[in-house]
Amino acid sequence: MGSRRSGSPSDTCFESSSLKILYALLIFVPIAIVARLLDAPPIAVFILSALAIVPLSGVMGAATETVAEHTSPAIGGVLSATMGNLAELIIASIALHAGLIDLVKASITGSILSNLLLVLGVALFAGGLKFKVQKFNRNLAGHSTTVLLIAVFGLVVPALFHSLHPDPQRVATVRMSHYVAFLLIAGYVAWLVFSLGTHSSSFGSDTRDPPVTVAPKWSSKKAMAVLVAAAIAIGVMAEVLVSATEQAVKVLGLSEFFVGLILIPIIGNAAENSSAIIMAVRNRMDLALNIAIGSSIQVALLIAPLLVLLGMVFHQPMDLAFTTMEVASIALAVGVASSVIRDAESNWLEGAFLLLAYAVLAVAFFFF
């Protein structure tokens, strides 16, 4: 590995301030647990547990970032996306076990939309405020777009099947989704082999401006210990969150659909947001792009299929047939994100437009 240059004082100050805020918010972890044990109102338990998951996801992202610093952009991006999605997988698994299938399916859609528009948008905007133009690997951009389209294809076909095939009890739809789940997981494995194995050399950084890098904050052992501890804590908080969701949704006057599509992904995506922003501010755009786009690919090819298979284990018949509104939103998000990254460079305005697109969808889902 080459020598590392320390980040600028502004970068160090930004990251230090972010970590201090995350550590301060960890106070909500014991508060949420006490609130649950004391049978506090569901709305209070819901809000406190959500506030607790956000810093836990962020701490998990910081630990993952330390490991990613020792790897290539491709491996680092996959690792960051995997750990970032772990919080969402834990929350969705617990919700699925509780029988909240509609909430789980909405969270899958919401996670894809959040990563493509919110996480990527914030990263491009934050990086664009510091650098006039940021460039990333053209092969990475084109490859990510193609895999995204294939991943979404696997989610659209079950929806078409359910809408065109008479199946009021969704029996055939669930059975078909089981087979599609295995195919999507096989596609995920193929994607890993391609990007990390046979064609890994095609995804090296080709930007003109050298990335700003810093020495890892933690040792690899400490980072792994933090990851395990954060994952366990998120599991506890997710159980607390899910237990209060149904009643809290009624009190807030929100639909379960909106909570799954917007609130749960935002809560679970804290890790991706923090990691992608930090990478963009350091001008490590290949890694920032891989975190955001790679996370969406991972949700479609791995997380969603795993939840379908977990439904079999939990005796909760979950399928991959999403609503027309969800399918259309995913298609639009993929189209917008693809148009932004296809020229292999970005600026703050493109990030702002991605955030605008996400806000438009959020408003639409609020009134849906």
Protein backbone atom coordinates (compact mmCIF):
# COMPACT_ATOMS: atom_id res chain seq x y z
CA MET A 1 0.00 0.00 0.00
CA GLY A 2 1.15 3.52 -0.69
CA SER A 3 1.71 6.15 1.93
CA ARG A 4 -1.32 7.81 3.44
CA ARG A 5 -1.81 11.53 3.63
CA SER A 6 -3.65 12.94 6.57
CA GLY A 7 -6.90 14.68 5.88
CA SER A 8 -7.27 18.44 6.08
CA PRO A 9 -8.11 20.08 9.42
CA SER A 10 -11.67 20.69 8.20
CA ASP A 11 -12.11 16.98 7.37
CA THR A 12 -10.76 15.94 10.76
CA CYS A 13 -12.97 18.46 12.54
CA PHE A 14 -16.05 17.31 10.59
CA GLU A 15 -15.46 13.64 11.36
CA SER A 16 -14.61 14.34 15.01
CA SER A 17 -17.80 16.37 15.44
CA SER A 18 -19.88 13.64 13.76
CA LEU A 19 -18.48 10.97 16.07
CA LYS A 20 -19.07 13.13 19.14
CA ILE A 21 -22.71 13.57 18.13
CA LEU A 22 -23.08 9.82 17.55
CA TYR A 23 -21.58 8.97 20.91
CA ALA A 24 -23.82 11.52 22.63
CA LEU A 25 -26.92 10.02 21.03
CA LEU A 26 -26.02 6.59 22.43
CA ILE A 27 -27.64 7.76 25.69
CA PHE A 28 -30.96 6.89 24.04
CA VAL A 29 -30.08 3.16 24.13
CA PRO A 30 -30.53 2.71 27.90
CA ILE A 31 -33.34 5.28 27.96
CA ALA A 32 -35.32 3.31 25.35
CA ILE A 33 -34.79 0.03 27.23
CA VAL A 34 -35.97 1.60 30.50
CA ALA A 35 -38.99 3.09 28.73
CA ARG A 36 -39.94 -0.34 27.39
CA LEU A 37 -39.50 -2.01 30.81
CA LEU A 38 -41.64 0.67 32.46
CA ASP A 39 -44.42 0.24 29.85
CA ALA A 40 -44.12 3.82 28.61
CA PRO A 41 -46.55 4.96 25.89
CA PRO A 42 -45.81 3.20 22.56
CA ILE A 43 -45.15 6.50 20.79
CA ALA A 44 -42.42 7.34 23.32
CA VAL A 45 -40.86 3.87 23.03
CA PHE A 46 -40.95 4.08 19.23
CA ILE A 47 -39.24 7.48 19.10
CA LEU A 48 -36.63 6.62 21.73
CA SER A 49 -35.72 3.30 20.11
CA ALA A 50 -35.49 4.97 16.68
CA LEU A 51 -33.17 7.62 18.13
CA ALA A 52 -31.08 4.82 19.65
CA ILE A 53 -30.74 2.87 16.39
CA VAL A 54 -29.45 5.91 14.47
CA PRO A 55 -26.20 6.33 16.45
CA LEU A 56 -25.73 2.55 16.69
CA SER A 57 -25.91 2.35 12.89
CA GLY A 58 -23.50 5.24 12.63
CA VAL A 59 -21.01 3.62 15.03
CA MET A 60 -21.28 0.43 12.97
CA GLY A 61 -20.50 2.48 9.88
CA ALA A 62 -17.46 4.06 11.54
CA ALA A 63 -16.12 0.63 12.49
CA THR A 64 -16.75 -0.69 8.99
CA GLU A 65 -14.99 2.32 7.51
CA THR A 66 -11.86 1.43 9.50
CA VAL A 67 -11.78 -2.02 7.91
CA ALA A 68 -12.57 -0.57 4.48
CA GLU A 69 -9.55 1.76 4.73
CA HIS A 70 -7.28 -1.27 4.28
CA THR A 71 -9.04 -2.51 1.13
CA SER A 72 -9.75 -1.56 -2.48
CA PRO A 73 -12.77 0.63 -3.32
CA ALA A 74 -14.68 -2.45 -4.54
CA ILE A 75 -14.10 -4.52 -1.41
CA GLY A 76 -14.52 -1.53 0.86
CA GLY A 77 -17.78 -0.58 -0.82
CA VAL A 78 -19.21 -4.10 -0.57
CA LEU A 79 -18.17 -4.33 3.08
CA SER A 80 -19.64 -0.94 3.94
CA ALA A 81 -22.87 -1.75 2.12
CA THR A 82 -23.12 -5.12 3.87
CA MET A 83 -22.62 -3.72 7.36
CA GLY A 84 -24.83 -0.74 6.57
CA ASN A 85 -27.63 -3.06 5.50
CA LEU A 86 -27.21 -5.24 8.58
CA ALA A 87 -29.24 -2.84 10.72
CA GLU A 88 -32.08 -2.90 8.21
CA LEU A 89 -31.93 -6.69 7.93
CA ILE A 90 -32.16 -7.05 11.70
CA ILE A 91 -35.11 -4.67 11.94
CA ALA A 92 -36.91 -6.30 9.00
CA SER A 93 -36.31 -9.83 10.33
CA ILE A 94 -37.82 -8.97 13.70
CA ALA A 95 -40.77 -7.23 12.02
CA LEU A 96 -41.27 -10.26 9.76
CA HIS A 97 -41.25 -12.61 12.75
CA ALA A 98 -43.93 -10.38 14.29
CA GLY A 99 -46.07 -10.80 11.17
CA LEU A 100 -45.67 -7.23 9.86
CA ILE A 101 -45.20 -8.38 6.27
CA ASP A 102 -46.47 -5.17 4.64
CA LEU A 103 -44.06 -3.14 6.77
CA VAL A 104 -41.16 -5.40 5.76
CA LYS A 105 -41.95 -5.20 2.04
CA ALA A 106 -42.29 -1.43 2.24
CA SER A 107 -38.92 -1.21 4.01
CA ILE A 108 -37.28 -3.10 1.12
CA THR A 109 -38.60 -0.60 -1.39
CA GLY A 110 -37.78 2.28 0.91
CA SER A 111 -34.22 1.08 1.41
CA ILE A 112 -33.56 0.95 -2.34
CA LEU A 113 -35.04 4.41 -2.82
CA SER A 114 -33.18 5.81 0.18
CA ASN A 115 -29.80 4.52 -0.98
CA LEU A 116 -30.22 5.60 -4.59
CA LEU A 117 -31.61 9.07 -3.88
CA LEU A 118 -31.01 10.09 -0.26
CA VAL A 119 -27.64 8.51 0.58
CA LEU A 120 -26.13 9.12 -2.87
CA GLY A 121 -27.67 12.60 -2.98
CA VAL A 122 -26.25 13.64 0.39
CA ALA A 123 -22.82 12.26 -0.55
CA LEU A 124 -22.69 14.07 -3.91
CA PHE A 125 -23.96 17.28 -2.33
CA ALA A 126 -21.47 17.19 0.57
CA GLY A 127 -18.55 16.32 -1.69
CA GLY A 128 -19.63 18.89 -4.26
CA LEU A 129 -19.55 21.69 -1.70
CA LYS A 130 -15.81 21.06 -1.23
CA PHE A 131 -14.80 20.02 -4.77
CA LYS A 132 -16.15 21.77 -7.85
CA VAL A 133 -16.26 18.52 -9.85
CA GLN A 134 -15.67 15.02 -8.53
CA LYS A 135 -14.81 12.12 -10.81
CA PHE A 136 -15.14 8.37 -10.35
CA ASN A 137 -14.34 5.24 -12.28
CA ARG A 138 -16.32 5.07 -15.53
CA ASN A 139 -16.34 1.26 -15.48
CA LEU A 140 -17.73 1.32 -11.95
CA ALA A 141 -20.52 3.70 -12.96
CA GLY A 142 -21.54 1.68 -16.02
CA HIS A 143 -21.30 -1.66 -14.27
CA SER A 144 -23.30 -0.46 -11.25
CA THR A 145 -26.07 0.85 -13.48
CA THR A 146 -26.33 -2.45 -15.38
CA VAL A 147 -26.45 -4.58 -12.23
CA LEU A 148 -29.05 -2.25 -10.74
CA LEU A 149 -31.31 -2.76 -13.75
CA ILE A 150 -30.98 -6.54 -13.47
CA ALA A 151 -31.61 -6.42 -9.73
CA VAL A 152 -34.76 -4.36 -10.21
CA PHE A 153 -35.82 -6.76 -12.99
CA GLY A 154 -35.96 -9.51 -10.36
CA LEU A 155 -38.34 -7.40 -8.27
CA VAL A 156 -40.57 -6.21 -11.11
CA VAL A 157 -41.34 -9.65 -12.58
CA PRO A 158 -43.05 -10.98 -9.40
CA ALA A 159 -45.21 -7.85 -9.32
CA LEU A 160 -46.20 -8.41 -12.95
CA PHE A 161 -46.91 -12.06 -12.21
CA HIS A 162 -49.22 -11.22 -9.33
CA SER A 163 -51.08 -8.51 -11.26
CA LEU A 164 -51.64 -10.69 -14.35
CA HIS A 165 -52.06 -14.15 -12.78
CA PRO A 166 -55.27 -14.93 -10.83
CA ASP A 167 -53.96 -15.59 -7.32
CA PRO A 168 -56.20 -14.00 -4.66
CA GLN A 169 -54.60 -15.98 -1.83
CA ARG A 170 -51.08 -15.21 -3.17
CA VAL A 171 -50.16 -18.91 -2.87
CA ALA A 172 -48.61 -19.15 -6.34
CA THR A 173 -46.98 -15.73 -5.91
CA VAL A 174 -45.27 -16.81 -2.70
CA ARG A 175 -44.11 -20.10 -4.23
CA MET A 176 -42.77 -18.33 -7.31
CA SER A 177 -41.00 -15.78 -5.08
CA HIS A 178 -39.12 -18.60 -3.34
CA TYR A 179 -37.57 -19.68 -6.64
CA VAL A 180 -36.84 -16.10 -7.66
CA ALA A 181 -35.18 -15.52 -4.27
CA PHE A 182 -32.65 -18.28 -4.93
CA LEU A 183 -31.97 -16.89 -8.42
CA LEU A 184 -31.39 -13.39 -7.05
CA ILE A 185 -28.96 -14.69 -4.43
CA ALA A 186 -27.12 -16.55 -7.21
CA GLY A 187 -26.94 -13.24 -9.08
CA TYR A 188 -25.49 -11.58 -5.98
CA VAL A 189 -22.77 -14.22 -5.75
CA ALA A 190 -21.98 -13.74 -9.45
CA TRP A 191 -21.74 -9.97 -8.88
CA LEU A 192 -19.25 -10.49 -6.05
CA VAL A 193 -17.13 -12.89 -8.11
CA PHE A 194 -17.07 -10.43 -11.01
CA SER A 195 -16.34 -7.23 -9.08
CA LEU A 196 -13.99 -8.68 -6.45
CA GLY A 197 -12.45 -11.52 -8.46
CA THR A 198 -12.32 -11.91 -12.21
CA HIS A 199 -12.61 -8.20 -13.09
CA SER A 200 -11.43 -6.47 -9.93
CA SER A 201 -8.67 -4.65 -11.85
CA SER A 202 -11.32 -2.80 -13.88
CA PHE A 203 -12.64 -1.01 -10.82
CA GLY A 204 -9.55 0.80 -9.59
CA SER A 205 -9.76 4.52 -9.13
CA ASP A 206 -9.10 6.55 -12.27
CA THR A 207 -9.84 10.02 -10.89
CA ARG A 208 -7.46 12.85 -11.70
CA ASP A 209 -7.50 14.34 -8.21
CA PRO A 210 -5.82 12.17 -5.56
CA PRO A 211 -8.16 11.05 -2.80
CA VAL A 212 -7.75 12.44 0.68
CA THR A 213 -6.97 9.51 2.96
CA VAL A 214 -6.30 9.16 6.66
CA ALA A 215 -4.82 6.50 8.85
CA PRO A 216 -7.39 4.09 10.33
CA LYS A 217 -8.73 5.25 13.70
CA TRP A 218 -8.99 1.75 15.20
CA SER A 219 -7.19 -1.55 14.88
CA SER A 220 -8.98 -4.26 12.92
CA LYS A 221 -9.67 -6.24 16.13
CA LYS A 222 -11.19 -3.25 17.86
CA ALA A 223 -13.27 -2.44 14.78
CA MET A 224 -14.65 -6.00 14.66
CA ALA A 225 -15.45 -5.89 18.38
CA VAL A 226 -17.36 -2.64 17.88
CA LEU A 227 -19.22 -4.16 14.91
CA VAL A 228 -20.37 -7.16 16.93
CA ALA A 229 -21.40 -5.04 19.91
CA ALA A 230 -23.30 -2.59 17.68
CA ALA A 231 -25.08 -5.44 15.86
CA ILE A 232 -26.23 -6.98 19.15
CA ALA A 233 -27.41 -3.61 20.44
CA ILE A 234 -29.29 -2.93 17.18
CA GLY A 235 -31.02 -6.30 17.52
CA VAL A 236 -32.23 -5.36 21.00
CA MET A 237 -33.35 -1.91 19.87
CA ALA A 238 -35.06 -3.33 16.78
CA GLU A 239 -37.16 -5.63 18.96
CA VAL A 240 -38.14 -2.63 21.10
CA LEU A 241 -38.92 -0.56 17.99
CA VAL A 242 -41.07 -3.22 16.33
CA SER A 243 -43.00 -3.94 19.52
CA ALA A 244 -44.18 -0.32 19.60
CA THR A 245 -44.61 0.24 15.85
CA GLU A 246 -48.28 -0.65 15.38
CA GLN A 247 -49.57 1.48 18.22
CA ALA A 248 -47.15 4.33 17.47
CA VAL A 249 -48.25 4.43 13.83
CA LYS A 250 -51.86 4.92 14.93
CA VAL A 251 -50.92 7.71 17.33
CA LEU A 252 -48.79 9.49 14.72
CA GLY A 253 -51.56 9.20 12.15
CA LEU A 254 -49.17 7.65 9.64
CA SER A 255 -49.72 4.55 7.55
CA GLU A 256 -47.63 1.43 8.13
CA PHE A 257 -46.76 1.75 4.44
CA PHE A 258 -45.19 5.22 4.94
CA VAL A 259 -43.32 4.15 8.06
CA GLY A 260 -41.79 1.19 6.21
CA LEU A 261 -40.95 3.18 3.08
CA ILE A 262 -39.55 6.35 4.63
CA LEU A 263 -38.92 6.21 8.39
CA ILE A 264 -37.43 2.72 8.80
CA PRO A 265 -34.89 3.12 5.91
CA ILE A 266 -33.81 6.53 7.20
CA ILE A 267 -33.28 5.05 10.66
CA GLY A 268 -31.39 2.05 9.30
CA ASN A 269 -29.38 3.99 6.70
CA ALA A 270 -27.46 6.11 9.21
CA ALA A 271 -24.36 3.97 8.62
CA GLU A 272 -24.45 4.40 4.83
CA ASN A 273 -25.13 8.13 5.16
CA SER A 274 -22.20 8.74 7.47
CA SER A 275 -19.77 6.52 5.55
CA ALA A 276 -20.74 7.86 2.11
CA ILE A 277 -20.50 11.48 3.25
CA ILE A 278 -17.07 10.97 4.81
CA MET A 279 -15.79 9.23 1.67
CA ALA A 280 -17.18 11.98 -0.59
CA VAL A 281 -15.64 14.74 1.53
CA ARG A 282 -12.29 12.92 1.21
CA ASN A 283 -12.84 12.77 -2.56
CA ARG A 284 -12.94 8.95 -2.48
CA MET A 285 -15.87 8.95 -4.87
CA ASP A 286 -15.41 5.36 -6.07
CA LEU A 287 -15.98 4.15 -2.53
CA ALA A 288 -18.83 6.61 -1.87
CA LEU A 289 -20.58 5.49 -5.06
CA ASN A 290 -20.02 1.83 -4.22
CA ILE A 291 -21.53 2.32 -0.76
CA ALA A 292 -24.73 3.93 -2.07
CA ILE A 293 -25.27 2.00 -5.30
CA GLY A 294 -23.81 -1.22 -3.90
CA SER A 295 -26.21 -1.06 -0.97
CA SER A 296 -29.22 -0.82 -3.30
CA ILE A 297 -27.93 -3.76 -5.32
CA GLN A 298 -27.41 -5.72 -2.13
CA VAL A 299 -30.93 -5.02 -0.89
CA ALA A 300 -32.45 -6.21 -4.17
CA LEU A 301 -30.19 -9.24 -4.71
CA LEU A 302 -29.57 -10.38 -1.14
CA ILE A 303 -31.64 -8.74 1.61
CA ALA A 304 -35.04 -9.08 -0.09
CA PRO A 305 -34.47 -12.75 -1.08
CA LEU A 306 -33.18 -13.57 2.41
CA LEU A 307 -36.32 -12.10 3.96
CA VAL A 308 -38.49 -14.19 1.63
CA LEU A 309 -36.63 -17.32 2.71
CA LEU A 310 -36.81 -16.26 6.37
CA GLY A 311 -40.56 -16.01 5.87
CA MET A 312 -40.55 -19.75 5.25
CA VAL A 313 -38.69 -20.32 8.51
CA PHE A 314 -40.99 -17.99 10.47
CA HIS A 315 -44.12 -19.39 8.76
CA GLN A 316 -44.86 -15.90 7.43
CA PRO A 317 -45.70 -16.17 3.70
CA MET A 318 -43.82 -13.24 2.21
CA ASP A 319 -43.46 -12.66 -1.54
CA LEU A 320 -41.64 -10.26 -3.84
CA ALA A 321 -44.77 -8.81 -5.47
CA PHE A 322 -44.69 -5.09 -4.71
CA THR A 323 -47.40 -2.52 -5.45
CA THR A 324 -47.51 -0.60 -8.73
CA MET A 325 -46.53 2.60 -6.90
CA GLU A 326 -43.48 0.92 -5.39
CA VAL A 327 -42.35 -0.65 -8.66
CA ALA A 328 -42.78 2.63 -10.55
CA SER A 329 -40.87 4.54 -7.85
CA ILE A 330 -37.95 2.11 -7.97
CA ALA A 331 -37.83 2.33 -11.78
CA LEU A 332 -37.82 6.15 -11.62
CA ALA A 333 -35.11 6.17 -8.94
CA VAL A 334 -32.89 3.84 -10.97
CA GLY A 335 -33.39 6.04 -14.03
CA VAL A 336 -32.53 9.26 -12.19
CA ALA A 337 -29.50 7.80 -10.40
CA SER A 338 -28.22 6.25 -13.64
CA SER A 339 -28.46 9.57 -15.48
CA VAL A 340 -26.45 11.26 -12.72
CA ILE A 341 -23.56 8.77 -12.60
CA ARG A 342 -23.31 7.74 -16.26
CA ASP A 343 -20.83 10.53 -17.13
CA ALA A 344 -18.54 9.39 -14.26
CA GLU A 345 -18.46 12.81 -12.59
CA SER A 346 -20.63 14.73 -10.16
CA ASN A 347 -21.23 18.12 -8.55
CA TRP A 348 -23.34 19.53 -5.73
CA LEU A 349 -26.29 20.35 -8.01
CA GLU A 350 -26.72 16.71 -9.04
CA GLY A 351 -26.73 15.75 -5.38
CA ALA A 352 -29.35 18.40 -4.68
CA PHE A 353 -31.55 17.08 -7.49
CA LEU A 354 -31.34 13.53 -6.12
CA LEU A 355 -32.49 14.85 -2.74
CA LEU A 356 -35.29 16.74 -4.46
CA ALA A 357 -36.44 13.56 -6.20
CA TYR A 358 -36.45 11.71 -2.87
CA ALA A 359 -38.49 14.49 -1.25
CA VAL A 360 -41.06 14.33 -4.05
CA LEU A 361 -41.47 10.57 -3.54
CA ALA A 362 -41.69 11.02 0.24
CA VAL A 363 -44.54 13.53 -0.18
CA ALA A 364 -46.32 11.20 -2.59
CA PHE A 365 -46.03 8.23 -0.22
CA PHE A 366 -47.26 10.37 2.69
CA PHE A 367 -50.56 10.94 0.90
CA PHE A 368 -50.66 7.51 -0.77
